[in-house]
Amino acid sequence: MAVSLLAETRAILNRYGFRPKKKLGQNFLVDRDLLERIIEAAELGPQETVIEIGPGLGILTRALCQVAGLVLAIEFDTTLFGILQKELAGFPNLSLVQADVLTFDFGAWARERGVERGAKVVANLPYYISTPSLFHLLRSKYLFSLLVLMVQKEVAERILAHPGSKQYGSLSISSNFMGNRRYGPVPPGRPSIQALRWILWS
């Protein structure tokens, strides 16, 4: 019988004595169905590059490494970074970086790795950095072919808002300029994640 993601997450947390930091909006993926839907939405192949923002405990990172050619995982928390180094040591196609995504130079990293364009982004964004993260990604949009993002419902509504609506603003305008957006709700009935949605650009 396969171990549930919730049990796996708890095991890792207990192994390192780590507790999520509320001030950083840390939340971890504990639903296998959602994990599979994210991987499917990203449409990854063995020759592709994927960038994960906020890998957390590495549950999604591990799955990405199994299907993509190169995975860049950017983690801000220094304690989680140390955990990830140990938990994901067996993946030679993983580039693990401890950095603030809001100041990370995607262009410089891409040039260093020989990635010209077509990279895909996967992220479970904390609410407090959702908007600045999106604007930062927009500034490097030439590098990306697809973004698969989990954000809170109200952020998704702002991204998808139409002119004249209450939610319409600079984020709506900028994201519409970037490309096509699709909205896929997380399966209901799972309190830990029901406020999250994913947004796709292509």
N, C-alpha and C. Protein backbone atom coordinates (compact mmCIF):
# COMPACT_ATOMS: atom_id res chain seq x y z
N MET A 1 0.84 -1.20 0.00
CA MET A 1 0.00 0.00 0.00
C MET A 1 0.88 1.25 0.00
N ALA A 2 0.60 2.16 -0.93
CA ALA A 2 1.41 3.37 -1.06
C ALA A 2 1.20 4.30 0.14
N VAL A 3 2.28 4.90 0.61
CA VAL A 3 2.20 5.85 1.71
C VAL A 3 1.56 7.14 1.21
N SER A 4 0.61 7.69 1.93
CA SER A 4 -0.04 8.93 1.52
C SER A 4 0.94 10.09 1.60
N LEU A 5 0.67 11.14 0.80
CA LEU A 5 1.55 12.31 0.83
C LEU A 5 1.49 13.00 2.19
N LEU A 6 0.33 12.93 2.84
CA LEU A 6 0.21 13.53 4.16
C LEU A 6 1.12 12.81 5.15
N ALA A 7 1.10 11.48 5.11
CA ALA A 7 1.96 10.70 6.01
C ALA A 7 3.43 10.94 5.69
N GLU A 8 3.75 11.03 4.39
CA GLU A 8 5.14 11.29 3.99
C GLU A 8 5.60 12.66 4.46
N THR A 9 4.71 13.65 4.32
CA THR A 9 5.04 15.01 4.76
C THR A 9 5.27 15.05 6.27
N ARG A 10 4.39 14.41 7.01
CA ARG A 10 4.54 14.38 8.47
C ARG A 10 5.85 13.68 8.87
N ALA A 11 6.20 12.63 8.16
CA ALA A 11 7.43 11.90 8.47
C ALA A 11 8.66 12.79 8.27
N ILE A 12 8.68 13.56 7.18
CA ILE A 12 9.81 14.45 6.92
C ILE A 12 9.87 15.55 7.97
N LEU A 13 8.70 16.13 8.29
CA LEU A 13 8.66 17.19 9.30
C LEU A 13 9.18 16.68 10.64
N ASN A 14 8.75 15.49 11.01
CA ASN A 14 9.19 14.92 12.29
C ASN A 14 10.67 14.55 12.28
N ARG A 15 11.15 14.07 11.12
CA ARG A 15 12.54 13.66 11.01
C ARG A 15 13.50 14.83 11.27
N TYR A 16 13.09 16.02 10.83
CA TYR A 16 13.97 17.17 10.97
C TYR A 16 13.49 18.15 12.05
N GLY A 17 12.37 17.81 12.70
CA GLY A 17 11.85 18.70 13.73
C GLY A 17 11.45 20.06 13.19
N PHE A 18 10.96 20.09 11.96
CA PHE A 18 10.62 21.36 11.31
C PHE A 18 9.14 21.66 11.45
N ARG A 19 8.80 22.92 11.70
CA ARG A 19 7.42 23.36 11.73
C ARG A 19 7.25 24.52 10.77
N PRO A 20 6.21 24.48 9.94
CA PRO A 20 6.00 25.55 8.95
C PRO A 20 5.92 26.93 9.62
N LYS A 21 6.49 27.91 8.92
CA LYS A 21 6.51 29.28 9.43
C LYS A 21 5.34 30.07 8.84
N LYS A 22 4.43 30.46 9.71
CA LYS A 22 3.25 31.18 9.27
C LYS A 22 3.61 32.49 8.58
N LYS A 23 4.65 33.17 9.07
CA LYS A 23 5.01 34.47 8.51
C LYS A 23 5.49 34.36 7.07
N LEU A 24 5.94 33.16 6.66
CA LEU A 24 6.38 32.94 5.28
C LEU A 24 5.28 32.29 4.44
N GLY A 25 4.12 32.07 5.05
CA GLY A 25 3.01 31.48 4.31
C GLY A 25 3.29 30.07 3.83
N GLN A 26 4.09 29.33 4.59
CA GLN A 26 4.49 27.99 4.15
C GLN A 26 3.33 27.00 4.25
N ASN A 27 3.06 26.32 3.15
CA ASN A 27 2.07 25.25 3.13
C ASN A 27 2.57 24.17 2.18
N PHE A 28 2.28 22.92 2.50
CA PHE A 28 2.87 21.82 1.75
C PHE A 28 1.81 20.99 1.03
N LEU A 29 2.18 20.50 -0.12
CA LEU A 29 1.31 19.68 -0.95
C LEU A 29 1.14 18.31 -0.30
N VAL A 30 -0.11 17.95 0.04
CA VAL A 30 -0.35 16.67 0.74
C VAL A 30 -1.41 15.83 0.04
N ASP A 31 -1.73 16.18 -1.20
CA ASP A 31 -2.78 15.48 -1.93
C ASP A 31 -2.21 14.88 -3.22
N ARG A 32 -2.21 13.56 -3.32
CA ARG A 32 -1.60 12.91 -4.48
C ARG A 32 -2.35 13.20 -5.77
N ASP A 33 -3.69 13.30 -5.70
CA ASP A 33 -4.47 13.62 -6.90
C ASP A 33 -4.06 14.98 -7.45
N LEU A 34 -3.90 15.94 -6.56
CA LEU A 34 -3.49 17.28 -6.99
C LEU A 34 -2.08 17.26 -7.55
N LEU A 35 -1.20 16.51 -6.92
CA LEU A 35 0.17 16.37 -7.43
C LEU A 35 0.15 15.86 -8.87
N GLU A 36 -0.64 14.84 -9.13
CA GLU A 36 -0.71 14.27 -10.47
C GLU A 36 -1.31 15.26 -11.47
N ARG A 37 -2.26 16.05 -11.02
CA ARG A 37 -2.88 17.04 -11.91
C ARG A 37 -1.90 18.16 -12.27
N ILE A 38 -1.06 18.52 -11.31
CA ILE A 38 -0.05 19.54 -11.58
C ILE A 38 0.96 19.04 -12.60
N ILE A 39 1.44 17.82 -12.41
CA ILE A 39 2.40 17.23 -13.35
C ILE A 39 1.78 17.12 -14.74
N GLU A 40 0.53 16.70 -14.80
CA GLU A 40 -0.16 16.58 -16.10
C GLU A 40 -0.31 17.95 -16.75
N ALA A 41 -0.66 18.97 -15.96
CA ALA A 41 -0.86 20.32 -16.50
C ALA A 41 0.44 20.90 -17.04
N ALA A 42 1.57 20.55 -16.44
CA ALA A 42 2.85 21.09 -16.88
C ALA A 42 3.33 20.49 -18.19
N GLU A 43 2.81 19.33 -18.58
CA GLU A 43 3.12 18.71 -19.87
C GLU A 43 4.63 18.61 -20.09
N LEU A 44 5.31 17.98 -19.14
CA LEU A 44 6.77 17.92 -19.17
C LEU A 44 7.29 16.71 -19.93
N GLY A 45 8.45 16.90 -20.55
CA GLY A 45 9.12 15.82 -21.25
C GLY A 45 10.57 15.73 -20.81
N PRO A 46 11.28 14.68 -21.19
CA PRO A 46 12.66 14.46 -20.73
C PRO A 46 13.68 15.49 -21.22
N GLN A 47 13.30 16.29 -22.20
CA GLN A 47 14.24 17.30 -22.71
C GLN A 47 13.92 18.70 -22.20
N GLU A 48 12.94 18.81 -21.32
CA GLU A 48 12.46 20.13 -20.93
C GLU A 48 13.03 20.59 -19.58
N THR A 49 13.01 21.92 -19.42
CA THR A 49 13.46 22.56 -18.19
C THR A 49 12.25 23.08 -17.43
N VAL A 50 12.20 22.80 -16.13
CA VAL A 50 11.11 23.31 -15.30
C VAL A 50 11.70 24.02 -14.09
N ILE A 51 11.09 25.13 -13.72
CA ILE A 51 11.52 25.93 -12.58
C ILE A 51 10.44 25.84 -11.51
N GLU A 52 10.82 25.38 -10.32
CA GLU A 52 9.87 25.31 -9.22
C GLU A 52 10.21 26.38 -8.20
N ILE A 53 9.20 27.16 -7.85
CA ILE A 53 9.36 28.21 -6.85
C ILE A 53 8.80 27.70 -5.52
N GLY A 54 9.61 27.71 -4.49
CA GLY A 54 9.16 27.26 -3.18
C GLY A 54 8.94 25.77 -3.10
N PRO A 55 9.96 24.95 -3.27
CA PRO A 55 9.80 23.49 -3.26
C PRO A 55 9.42 22.90 -1.91
N GLY A 56 9.60 23.67 -0.83
CA GLY A 56 9.17 23.19 0.48
C GLY A 56 9.93 21.97 0.95
N LEU A 57 9.22 20.84 1.06
CA LEU A 57 9.84 19.58 1.50
C LEU A 57 10.25 18.70 0.32
N GLY A 58 10.01 19.17 -0.91
CA GLY A 58 10.49 18.46 -2.09
C GLY A 58 9.57 17.38 -2.63
N ILE A 59 8.32 17.32 -2.17
CA ILE A 59 7.39 16.30 -2.66
C ILE A 59 7.14 16.47 -4.15
N LEU A 60 6.77 17.68 -4.55
CA LEU A 60 6.54 17.96 -5.97
C LEU A 60 7.86 17.95 -6.73
N THR A 61 8.92 18.44 -6.12
CA THR A 61 10.24 18.49 -6.77
C THR A 61 10.67 17.10 -7.23
N ARG A 62 10.48 16.12 -6.37
CA ARG A 62 10.86 14.75 -6.70
C ARG A 62 10.10 14.26 -7.94
N ALA A 63 8.82 14.56 -7.99
CA ALA A 63 8.01 14.14 -9.14
C ALA A 63 8.45 14.86 -10.41
N LEU A 64 8.81 16.13 -10.30
CA LEU A 64 9.29 16.89 -11.45
C LEU A 64 10.60 16.33 -11.98
N CYS A 65 11.50 15.97 -11.07
CA CYS A 65 12.79 15.42 -11.47
C CYS A 65 12.64 14.10 -12.22
N GLN A 66 11.57 13.38 -11.96
CA GLN A 66 11.36 12.09 -12.60
C GLN A 66 10.85 12.20 -14.03
N VAL A 67 10.35 13.38 -14.41
CA VAL A 67 9.79 13.52 -15.76
C VAL A 67 10.47 14.59 -16.60
N ALA A 68 11.18 15.54 -15.98
CA ALA A 68 11.80 16.64 -16.72
C ALA A 68 13.30 16.41 -16.89
N GLY A 69 13.88 17.12 -17.85
CA GLY A 69 15.31 16.98 -18.09
C GLY A 69 16.14 17.74 -17.08
N LEU A 70 15.70 18.97 -16.73
CA LEU A 70 16.40 19.81 -15.78
C LEU A 70 15.39 20.51 -14.89
N VAL A 71 15.62 20.48 -13.58
CA VAL A 71 14.73 21.13 -12.63
C VAL A 71 15.52 22.14 -11.80
N LEU A 72 15.09 23.39 -11.85
CA LEU A 72 15.63 24.43 -10.97
C LEU A 72 14.64 24.63 -9.85
N ALA A 73 15.04 24.41 -8.61
CA ALA A 73 14.17 24.62 -7.46
C ALA A 73 14.73 25.75 -6.61
N ILE A 74 13.92 26.78 -6.41
CA ILE A 74 14.34 27.97 -5.67
C ILE A 74 13.65 28.01 -4.32
N GLU A 75 14.42 27.89 -3.25
CA GLU A 75 13.85 27.89 -1.90
C GLU A 75 14.44 29.04 -1.08
N PHE A 76 13.58 29.81 -0.45
CA PHE A 76 14.01 30.97 0.33
C PHE A 76 14.46 30.57 1.74
N ASP A 77 13.76 29.65 2.36
CA ASP A 77 14.01 29.28 3.75
C ASP A 77 15.31 28.46 3.86
N THR A 78 16.24 28.92 4.67
CA THR A 78 17.53 28.24 4.77
C THR A 78 17.42 26.86 5.41
N THR A 79 16.49 26.70 6.36
CA THR A 79 16.31 25.39 7.00
C THR A 79 15.74 24.40 6.00
N LEU A 80 14.72 24.81 5.26
CA LEU A 80 14.15 23.93 4.23
C LEU A 80 15.17 23.60 3.15
N PHE A 81 16.02 24.57 2.82
CA PHE A 81 17.06 24.34 1.82
C PHE A 81 17.97 23.19 2.27
N GLY A 82 18.34 23.19 3.53
CA GLY A 82 19.17 22.11 4.06
C GLY A 82 18.48 20.77 4.03
N ILE A 83 17.18 20.78 4.32
CA ILE A 83 16.39 19.54 4.26
C ILE A 83 16.33 19.02 2.83
N LEU A 84 16.10 19.92 1.89
CA LEU A 84 16.02 19.54 0.48
C LEU A 84 17.34 18.96 -0.02
N GLN A 85 18.44 19.51 0.40
CA GLN A 85 19.74 18.99 -0.01
C GLN A 85 19.90 17.52 0.37
N LYS A 86 19.37 17.16 1.52
CA LYS A 86 19.47 15.78 1.99
C LYS A 86 18.42 14.88 1.32
N GLU A 87 17.19 15.37 1.25
CA GLU A 87 16.09 14.55 0.74
C GLU A 87 16.18 14.30 -0.77
N LEU A 88 16.80 15.23 -1.50
CA LEU A 88 16.83 15.15 -2.96
C LEU A 88 18.24 14.94 -3.51
N ALA A 89 19.11 14.42 -2.69
CA ALA A 89 20.52 14.26 -3.08
C ALA A 89 20.69 13.30 -4.26
N GLY A 90 19.74 12.44 -4.52
CA GLY A 90 19.89 11.43 -5.56
C GLY A 90 19.48 11.85 -6.96
N PHE A 91 19.18 13.15 -7.17
CA PHE A 91 18.72 13.60 -8.49
C PHE A 91 19.77 14.48 -9.17
N PRO A 92 20.51 13.94 -10.13
CA PRO A 92 21.56 14.71 -10.80
C PRO A 92 21.01 15.82 -11.69
N ASN A 93 19.73 15.74 -12.06
CA ASN A 93 19.13 16.76 -12.93
C ASN A 93 18.51 17.90 -12.13
N LEU A 94 18.78 17.97 -10.84
CA LEU A 94 18.22 19.03 -9.98
C LEU A 94 19.27 20.09 -9.69
N SER A 95 18.89 21.36 -9.93
CA SER A 95 19.70 22.50 -9.54
C SER A 95 18.95 23.19 -8.40
N LEU A 96 19.46 23.04 -7.19
CA LEU A 96 18.80 23.56 -6.00
C LEU A 96 19.48 24.86 -5.57
N VAL A 97 18.69 25.92 -5.45
CA VAL A 97 19.25 27.24 -5.15
C VAL A 97 18.53 27.83 -3.95
N GLN A 98 19.31 28.38 -3.02
CA GLN A 98 18.73 29.11 -1.89
C GLN A 98 18.74 30.58 -2.26
N ALA A 99 17.54 31.14 -2.48
CA ALA A 99 17.45 32.52 -2.94
C ALA A 99 16.04 33.04 -2.75
N ASP A 100 15.93 34.36 -2.83
CA ASP A 100 14.63 35.03 -2.81
C ASP A 100 14.15 35.14 -4.25
N VAL A 101 13.03 34.51 -4.57
CA VAL A 101 12.55 34.50 -5.95
C VAL A 101 12.27 35.91 -6.46
N LEU A 102 11.96 36.83 -5.56
CA LEU A 102 11.63 38.20 -5.97
C LEU A 102 12.83 38.96 -6.50
N THR A 103 14.02 38.47 -6.21
CA THR A 103 15.23 39.12 -6.72
C THR A 103 16.07 38.17 -7.59
N PHE A 104 15.57 36.96 -7.79
CA PHE A 104 16.34 35.97 -8.55
C PHE A 104 16.42 36.38 -10.02
N ASP A 105 17.62 36.28 -10.59
CA ASP A 105 17.86 36.66 -11.99
C ASP A 105 17.67 35.42 -12.88
N PHE A 106 16.46 35.24 -13.38
CA PHE A 106 16.17 34.08 -14.22
C PHE A 106 16.98 34.12 -15.51
N GLY A 107 17.18 35.31 -16.05
CA GLY A 107 17.94 35.44 -17.29
C GLY A 107 19.37 34.99 -17.14
N ALA A 108 20.03 35.39 -16.05
CA ALA A 108 21.42 35.00 -15.81
C ALA A 108 21.52 33.49 -15.62
N TRP A 109 20.59 32.92 -14.87
CA TRP A 109 20.61 31.47 -14.66
C TRP A 109 20.42 30.74 -15.99
N ALA A 110 19.49 31.22 -16.81
CA ALA A 110 19.22 30.58 -18.10
C ALA A 110 20.45 30.63 -19.01
N ARG A 111 21.13 31.76 -19.03
CA ARG A 111 22.33 31.89 -19.86
C ARG A 111 23.42 30.94 -19.37
N GLU A 112 23.56 30.83 -18.07
CA GLU A 112 24.58 29.96 -17.49
C GLU A 112 24.32 28.49 -17.83
N ARG A 113 23.04 28.11 -17.88
CA ARG A 113 22.66 26.74 -18.15
C ARG A 113 22.39 26.47 -19.64
N GLY A 114 22.47 27.49 -20.46
CA GLY A 114 22.22 27.31 -21.89
C GLY A 114 20.76 27.15 -22.24
N VAL A 115 19.88 27.67 -21.39
CA VAL A 115 18.44 27.60 -21.64
C VAL A 115 18.02 28.91 -22.32
N GLU A 116 17.65 28.82 -23.59
CA GLU A 116 17.33 30.02 -24.34
C GLU A 116 15.89 30.47 -24.13
N ARG A 117 14.98 29.55 -24.17
CA ARG A 117 13.56 29.83 -23.95
C ARG A 117 12.81 28.52 -23.80
N GLY A 118 11.55 28.59 -23.44
CA GLY A 118 10.73 27.38 -23.36
C GLY A 118 10.68 26.73 -21.99
N ALA A 119 11.34 27.35 -20.99
CA ALA A 119 11.27 26.77 -19.64
C ALA A 119 9.85 26.88 -19.10
N LYS A 120 9.48 25.95 -18.24
CA LYS A 120 8.15 25.96 -17.63
C LYS A 120 8.29 26.22 -16.14
N VAL A 121 7.32 26.92 -15.59
CA VAL A 121 7.36 27.29 -14.18
C VAL A 121 6.23 26.58 -13.43
N VAL A 122 6.57 26.00 -12.29
CA VAL A 122 5.58 25.37 -11.41
C VAL A 122 5.76 25.99 -10.03
N ALA A 123 4.67 26.43 -9.42
CA ALA A 123 4.81 27.07 -8.11
C ALA A 123 3.53 26.98 -7.29
N ASN A 124 3.72 26.78 -6.00
CA ASN A 124 2.64 26.90 -5.02
C ASN A 124 2.97 28.16 -4.24
N LEU A 125 2.40 29.29 -4.69
CA LEU A 125 2.84 30.59 -4.19
C LEU A 125 2.16 30.98 -2.88
N PRO A 126 2.94 31.35 -1.87
CA PRO A 126 2.34 31.91 -0.65
C PRO A 126 1.58 33.19 -1.00
N TYR A 127 0.49 33.44 -0.30
CA TYR A 127 -0.37 34.57 -0.64
C TYR A 127 0.38 35.90 -0.65
N TYR A 128 1.25 36.10 0.34
CA TYR A 128 1.84 37.42 0.50
C TYR A 128 2.86 37.77 -0.58
N ILE A 129 3.33 36.78 -1.33
CA ILE A 129 4.26 37.10 -2.43
C ILE A 129 3.66 36.74 -3.80
N SER A 130 2.38 36.39 -3.84
CA SER A 130 1.78 35.99 -5.12
C SER A 130 1.89 37.08 -6.18
N THR A 131 1.43 38.28 -5.84
CA THR A 131 1.43 39.36 -6.83
C THR A 131 2.84 39.80 -7.21
N PRO A 132 3.74 40.10 -6.26
CA PRO A 132 5.10 40.47 -6.67
C PRO A 132 5.82 39.36 -7.44
N SER A 133 5.55 38.10 -7.10
CA SER A 133 6.17 36.99 -7.82
C SER A 133 5.70 36.96 -9.27
N LEU A 134 4.43 37.17 -9.47
CA LEU A 134 3.88 37.17 -10.83
C LEU A 134 4.47 38.29 -11.67
N PHE A 135 4.58 39.48 -11.09
CA PHE A 135 5.18 40.59 -11.83
C PHE A 135 6.65 40.32 -12.14
N HIS A 136 7.35 39.68 -11.21
CA HIS A 136 8.76 39.35 -11.45
C HIS A 136 8.88 38.33 -12.58
N LEU A 137 7.99 37.35 -12.61
CA LEU A 137 7.99 36.37 -13.69
C LEU A 137 7.68 37.02 -15.03
N LEU A 138 6.77 37.99 -15.00
CA LEU A 138 6.40 38.68 -16.24
C LEU A 138 7.60 39.39 -16.86
N ARG A 139 8.49 39.86 -16.01
CA ARG A 139 9.67 40.57 -16.53
C ARG A 139 10.62 39.64 -17.28
N SER A 140 10.51 38.34 -17.04
CA SER A 140 11.35 37.37 -17.76
C SER A 140 10.50 36.46 -18.64
N LYS A 141 9.37 36.94 -19.09
CA LYS A 141 8.39 36.09 -19.78
C LYS A 141 8.96 35.47 -21.06
N TYR A 142 9.95 36.09 -21.66
CA TYR A 142 10.52 35.55 -22.89
C TYR A 142 11.14 34.17 -22.68
N LEU A 143 11.48 33.86 -21.43
CA LEU A 143 12.12 32.57 -21.13
C LEU A 143 11.11 31.43 -21.00
N PHE A 144 9.84 31.76 -20.72
CA PHE A 144 8.87 30.75 -20.32
C PHE A 144 7.86 30.45 -21.40
N SER A 145 7.50 29.17 -21.51
CA SER A 145 6.43 28.77 -22.42
C SER A 145 5.15 28.45 -21.67
N LEU A 146 5.26 28.21 -20.37
CA LEU A 146 4.08 27.80 -19.60
C LEU A 146 4.31 28.05 -18.11
N LEU A 147 3.30 28.56 -17.44
CA LEU A 147 3.32 28.71 -15.98
C LEU A 147 2.18 27.89 -15.40
N VAL A 148 2.47 27.06 -14.43
CA VAL A 148 1.45 26.32 -13.70
C VAL A 148 1.55 26.76 -12.25
N LEU A 149 0.58 27.55 -11.81
CA LEU A 149 0.67 28.19 -10.51
C LEU A 149 -0.53 27.86 -9.63
N MET A 150 -0.26 27.58 -8.37
CA MET A 150 -1.32 27.45 -7.39
C MET A 150 -1.33 28.71 -6.55
N VAL A 151 -2.48 29.38 -6.55
CA VAL A 151 -2.63 30.61 -5.79
C VAL A 151 -3.99 30.59 -5.08
N GLN A 152 -4.19 31.51 -4.16
CA GLN A 152 -5.47 31.59 -3.50
C GLN A 152 -6.53 32.09 -4.48
N LYS A 153 -7.77 31.73 -4.18
CA LYS A 153 -8.88 32.02 -5.09
C LYS A 153 -8.96 33.50 -5.45
N GLU A 154 -8.80 34.39 -4.48
CA GLU A 154 -8.94 35.81 -4.76
C GLU A 154 -7.85 36.32 -5.69
N VAL A 155 -6.65 35.72 -5.61
CA VAL A 155 -5.57 36.10 -6.53
C VAL A 155 -5.92 35.62 -7.94
N ALA A 156 -6.44 34.39 -8.04
CA ALA A 156 -6.85 33.86 -9.34
C ALA A 156 -7.92 34.74 -9.97
N GLU A 157 -8.86 35.22 -9.16
CA GLU A 157 -9.94 36.06 -9.68
C GLU A 157 -9.40 37.39 -10.18
N ARG A 158 -8.36 37.91 -9.53
CA ARG A 158 -7.74 39.16 -10.00
C ARG A 158 -7.01 38.93 -11.32
N ILE A 159 -6.36 37.80 -11.45
CA ILE A 159 -5.64 37.49 -12.68
C ILE A 159 -6.60 37.36 -13.86
N LEU A 160 -7.75 36.75 -13.61
CA LEU A 160 -8.70 36.45 -14.66
C LEU A 160 -9.76 37.52 -14.87
N ALA A 161 -9.71 38.60 -14.08
CA ALA A 161 -10.76 39.62 -14.11
C ALA A 161 -10.86 40.30 -15.47
N HIS A 162 -12.09 40.71 -15.80
CA HIS A 162 -12.37 41.42 -17.05
C HIS A 162 -12.52 42.91 -16.78
N PRO A 163 -12.28 43.75 -17.80
CA PRO A 163 -12.44 45.19 -17.62
C PRO A 163 -13.82 45.54 -17.07
N GLY A 164 -13.85 46.44 -16.09
CA GLY A 164 -15.10 46.87 -15.51
C GLY A 164 -15.49 46.11 -14.25
N SER A 165 -14.84 44.97 -14.00
CA SER A 165 -15.15 44.21 -12.81
C SER A 165 -14.41 44.77 -11.60
N LYS A 166 -14.86 44.41 -10.41
CA LYS A 166 -14.27 44.93 -9.17
C LYS A 166 -12.82 44.49 -9.01
N GLN A 167 -12.50 43.27 -9.47
CA GLN A 167 -11.15 42.72 -9.29
C GLN A 167 -10.15 43.20 -10.33
N TYR A 168 -10.65 43.85 -11.40
CA TYR A 168 -9.78 44.22 -12.52
C TYR A 168 -8.76 45.26 -12.09
N GLY A 169 -7.49 45.03 -12.47
CA GLY A 169 -6.44 45.97 -12.12
C GLY A 169 -5.17 45.67 -12.89
N SER A 170 -4.05 46.16 -12.36
CA SER A 170 -2.77 46.03 -13.07
C SER A 170 -2.38 44.57 -13.26
N LEU A 171 -2.67 43.71 -12.27
CA LEU A 171 -2.33 42.30 -12.41
C LEU A 171 -3.14 41.65 -13.52
N SER A 172 -4.40 42.01 -13.64
CA SER A 172 -5.25 41.48 -14.71
C SER A 172 -4.71 41.88 -16.08
N ILE A 173 -4.34 43.16 -16.20
CA ILE A 173 -3.84 43.68 -17.48
C ILE A 173 -2.53 43.00 -17.86
N SER A 174 -1.60 42.92 -16.91
CA SER A 174 -0.28 42.35 -17.18
C SER A 174 -0.36 40.88 -17.53
N SER A 175 -1.16 40.10 -16.78
CA SER A 175 -1.25 38.67 -17.03
C SER A 175 -1.96 38.38 -18.34
N ASN A 176 -2.93 39.22 -18.70
CA ASN A 176 -3.62 39.04 -19.98
C ASN A 176 -2.68 39.30 -21.14
N PHE A 177 -1.78 40.25 -20.97
CA PHE A 177 -0.79 40.57 -22.01
C PHE A 177 0.18 39.43 -22.21
N MET A 178 0.44 38.66 -21.15
CA MET A 178 1.44 37.61 -21.23
C MET A 178 0.99 36.45 -22.11
N GLY A 179 -0.29 36.09 -22.05
CA GLY A 179 -0.72 34.95 -22.86
C GLY A 179 -2.07 34.43 -22.45
N ASN A 180 -2.39 33.21 -22.89
CA ASN A 180 -3.68 32.60 -22.60
C ASN A 180 -3.70 32.06 -21.18
N ARG A 181 -4.83 32.22 -20.50
CA ARG A 181 -4.95 31.77 -19.12
C ARG A 181 -6.08 30.75 -19.02
N ARG A 182 -5.82 29.67 -18.30
CA ARG A 182 -6.85 28.69 -18.02
C ARG A 182 -6.94 28.51 -16.51
N TYR A 183 -8.14 28.26 -16.05
CA TYR A 183 -8.39 28.18 -14.62
C TYR A 183 -8.92 26.81 -14.28
N GLY A 184 -8.22 26.10 -13.39
CA GLY A 184 -8.65 24.76 -13.02
C GLY A 184 -8.78 24.64 -11.52
N PRO A 185 -9.99 24.47 -10.98
CA PRO A 185 -10.15 24.40 -9.53
C PRO A 185 -9.58 23.13 -8.92
N VAL A 186 -9.08 23.29 -7.71
CA VAL A 186 -8.63 22.14 -6.94
C VAL A 186 -9.85 21.33 -6.54
N PRO A 187 -9.79 19.99 -6.52
CA PRO A 187 -10.93 19.18 -6.11
C PRO A 187 -11.47 19.62 -4.75
N PRO A 188 -12.80 19.71 -4.60
CA PRO A 188 -13.39 20.18 -3.35
C PRO A 188 -13.26 19.16 -2.22
N GLY A 189 -13.55 19.61 -1.01
CA GLY A 189 -13.61 18.69 0.12
C GLY A 189 -12.28 18.44 0.78
N ARG A 190 -11.25 19.21 0.44
CA ARG A 190 -9.95 19.02 1.05
C ARG A 190 -9.56 20.34 1.72
N PRO A 191 -9.92 20.53 2.99
CA PRO A 191 -9.79 21.84 3.65
C PRO A 191 -8.40 22.45 3.57
N SER A 192 -7.35 21.64 3.56
CA SER A 192 -6.01 22.21 3.58
C SER A 192 -5.63 22.91 2.28
N ILE A 193 -6.34 22.61 1.21
CA ILE A 193 -5.96 23.19 -0.08
C ILE A 193 -7.14 23.77 -0.84
N GLN A 194 -8.33 23.76 -0.29
CA GLN A 194 -9.48 24.13 -1.09
C GLN A 194 -9.47 25.60 -1.51
N ALA A 195 -8.66 26.45 -0.84
CA ALA A 195 -8.58 27.85 -1.22
C ALA A 195 -7.61 28.08 -2.38
N LEU A 196 -6.96 27.02 -2.85
CA LEU A 196 -5.96 27.16 -3.90
C LEU A 196 -6.53 26.81 -5.27
N ARG A 197 -5.98 27.45 -6.28
CA ARG A 197 -6.38 27.17 -7.66
C ARG A 197 -5.12 27.18 -8.52
N TRP A 198 -5.22 26.65 -9.72
CA TRP A 198 -4.05 26.82 -10.57
C TRP A 198 -4.40 27.62 -11.81
N ILE A 199 -3.40 28.34 -12.25
CA ILE A 199 -3.52 29.21 -13.41
C ILE A 199 -2.51 28.72 -14.44
N LEU A 200 -2.90 28.67 -15.68
CA LEU A 200 -1.97 28.25 -16.74
C LEU A 200 -1.87 29.34 -17.79
N TRP A 201 -0.65 29.66 -18.12
CA TRP A 201 -0.39 30.48 -19.32
C TRP A 201 0.24 29.59 -20.37
N SER A 202 -0.05 29.81 -21.62
CA SER A 202 0.65 29.08 -22.67
C SER A 202 0.70 29.94 -23.92
